[in-house]
Amino acid sequence: MIRTAPSETDDHGCGCVPAPTEPGPATTADIMQARAIAAELTEFGIIPAAYDHEAAAVVLRVDTRRGLYALVIPAPGQPFPVRHRGERIGALDCRRTYGTADSYTAALFAAFLRDRAALDIPGRGVRPTAKNVV
């Protein structure tokens, strides 16, 4: 057999088994955005952003009393999916665009978790005490 040009599978094996998905150059921007969102949610025990091979994306994890929730950093223009125990359970009501502030995304994620009774966030009727006032 004569080969005139190397095939695409030469560097990655025979091609019958897919190579693991590795983070690309855009992952750095995804991690930076995840860290900015996490900075807005520090009081809720955010696990640092990490690349998740299963989701093939950068995720921001929150360990709650109802289990581990993850906010997936999507491709630009897409809504932010939320996962619980590895399964997608919904998405935030915003898309990843230049006009969407990280603080807004963090507030929507906190509200998403609050609505599922995963986070205790004081409501309007709660009076601040010395314990929760900065």
Protein backbone atom coordinates (compact mmCIF):
# COMPACT_ATOMS: atom_id res chain seq x y z
CA MET A 1 0.00 0.00 0.00
CA ILE A 2 1.39 3.38 -1.01
CA ARG A 3 0.48 6.44 1.02
CA THR A 4 0.96 9.84 -0.50
CA ALA A 5 -0.17 11.96 2.44
CA PRO A 6 -0.55 11.25 6.14
CA SER A 7 -4.11 10.66 7.27
CA GLU A 8 -5.79 12.59 10.08
CA THR A 9 -5.72 9.52 12.32
CA ASP A 10 -1.93 9.02 12.21
CA ASP A 11 -1.34 11.20 15.28
CA HIS A 12 -4.24 9.79 17.30
CA GLY A 13 -4.19 6.04 16.69
CA CYS A 14 -6.29 4.03 14.30
CA GLY A 15 -9.36 6.27 14.43
CA CYS A 16 -11.67 3.53 15.65
CA VAL A 17 -11.68 4.93 19.20
CA PRO A 18 -12.28 8.66 19.54
CA ALA A 19 -9.48 10.59 21.19
CA PRO A 20 -10.42 12.29 24.47
CA THR A 21 -11.72 15.80 24.05
CA GLU A 22 -9.06 18.26 25.18
CA PRO A 23 -9.78 21.87 26.03
CA GLY A 24 -9.03 24.21 23.16
CA PRO A 25 -7.65 27.75 23.20
CA ALA A 26 -11.12 29.19 23.83
CA THR A 27 -11.20 27.34 27.16
CA THR A 28 -9.08 30.06 28.77
CA ALA A 29 -11.83 32.62 28.12
CA ASP A 30 -14.43 30.16 29.45
CA ILE A 31 -12.46 29.67 32.67
CA MET A 32 -12.06 33.43 33.11
CA GLN A 33 -15.82 33.93 32.74
CA ALA A 34 -16.56 31.07 35.14
CA ARG A 35 -14.21 32.61 37.72
CA ALA A 36 -15.92 36.00 37.35
CA ILE A 37 -19.32 34.39 37.92
CA ALA A 38 -17.92 32.44 40.90
CA ALA A 39 -16.63 35.68 42.42
CA GLU A 40 -20.23 36.89 42.61
CA LEU A 41 -21.28 33.67 44.38
CA THR A 42 -18.47 33.16 46.89
CA GLU A 43 -20.84 33.10 49.85
CA PHE A 44 -22.49 29.91 48.54
CA GLY A 45 -19.42 27.67 48.54
CA ILE A 46 -18.50 27.56 44.87
CA ILE A 47 -16.04 24.88 43.81
CA PRO A 48 -13.47 26.46 41.45
CA ALA A 49 -14.20 26.31 37.73
CA ALA A 50 -12.79 23.32 35.95
CA TYR A 51 -12.89 21.68 32.56
CA ASP A 52 -15.34 18.78 32.62
CA HIS A 53 -14.54 16.10 30.03
CA GLU A 54 -18.04 14.61 30.28
CA ALA A 55 -19.70 17.92 29.46
CA ALA A 56 -16.82 18.93 27.15
CA ALA A 57 -17.00 22.42 28.65
CA VAL A 58 -15.91 24.54 31.57
CA VAL A 59 -18.28 24.13 34.51
CA LEU A 60 -18.85 25.96 37.76
CA ARG A 61 -19.95 23.60 40.54
CA VAL A 62 -22.00 24.35 43.64
CA ASP A 63 -22.27 21.73 46.36
CA THR A 64 -25.69 22.10 48.01
CA ARG A 65 -27.65 20.04 50.48
CA ARG A 66 -29.60 18.67 47.48
CA GLY A 67 -26.48 17.56 45.63
CA LEU A 68 -23.97 18.93 43.20
CA TYR A 69 -25.21 21.49 40.67
CA ALA A 70 -23.10 22.68 37.75
CA LEU A 71 -23.38 25.78 35.58
CA VAL A 72 -21.91 25.02 32.16
CA ILE A 73 -20.15 27.83 30.30
CA PRO A 74 -21.60 27.48 26.77
CA ALA A 75 -20.41 28.63 23.38
CA PRO A 76 -21.04 32.32 22.69
CA GLY A 77 -24.67 33.06 21.87
CA GLN A 78 -26.00 29.99 23.68
CA PRO A 79 -27.97 29.87 26.98
CA PHE A 80 -26.19 28.71 30.15
CA PRO A 81 -27.23 25.08 30.85
CA VAL A 82 -27.54 23.85 34.44
CA ARG A 83 -26.78 20.25 35.36
CA HIS A 84 -27.69 18.25 38.46
CA ARG A 85 -26.09 14.87 39.06
CA GLY A 86 -24.70 14.91 35.54
CA GLU A 87 -28.01 15.51 33.77
CA ARG A 88 -29.20 18.76 32.23
CA ILE A 89 -32.16 20.07 34.22
CA GLY A 90 -32.62 23.45 32.62
CA ALA A 91 -30.96 26.63 31.43
CA LEU A 92 -30.71 30.20 32.65
CA ASP A 93 -32.85 32.89 31.02
CA CYS A 94 -29.83 34.57 29.49
CA ARG A 95 -27.33 33.85 26.76
CA ARG A 96 -23.56 34.14 26.72
CA THR A 97 -23.07 37.46 24.96
CA TYR A 98 -20.89 40.51 25.46
CA GLY A 99 -23.87 42.38 26.88
CA THR A 100 -24.63 39.83 29.60
CA ALA A 101 -22.87 40.80 32.82
CA ASP A 102 -21.29 38.06 34.91
CA SER A 103 -23.06 39.43 37.98
CA TYR A 104 -26.41 39.03 36.16
CA THR A 105 -25.57 35.43 35.25
CA ALA A 106 -24.55 34.75 38.86
CA ALA A 107 -27.81 36.24 40.16
CA LEU A 108 -29.85 34.10 37.75
CA PHE A 109 -27.92 30.97 38.77
CA ALA A 110 -28.48 31.73 42.48
CA ALA A 111 -32.19 32.27 41.80
CA PHE A 112 -32.32 29.02 39.82
CA LEU A 113 -30.86 27.15 42.80
CA ARG A 114 -33.10 29.00 45.27
CA ASP A 115 -36.19 28.03 43.28
CA ARG A 116 -35.18 24.39 43.60
CA ALA A 117 -34.65 24.76 47.37
CA ALA A 118 -30.94 24.13 46.94
CA LEU A 119 -29.80 27.48 48.41
CA ASP A 120 -31.05 29.47 51.37
CA ILE A 121 -31.22 33.07 50.23
CA PRO A 122 -33.06 35.52 52.49
CA GLY A 123 -36.20 36.97 50.93
CA ARG A 124 -37.80 40.39 51.21
CA GLY A 125 -39.46 39.76 54.56
CA VAL A 126 -36.18 38.92 56.30
CA ARG A 127 -34.70 41.64 58.47
CA PRO A 128 -30.92 41.85 58.38
CA THR A 129 -29.12 40.85 61.56
CA ALA A 130 -25.57 41.51 62.66
CA LYS A 131 -24.78 37.97 61.52
CA ASN A 132 -25.53 38.54 57.82
CA VAL A 133 -24.71 42.24 57.42
CA VAL A 134 -21.28 43.21 56.17
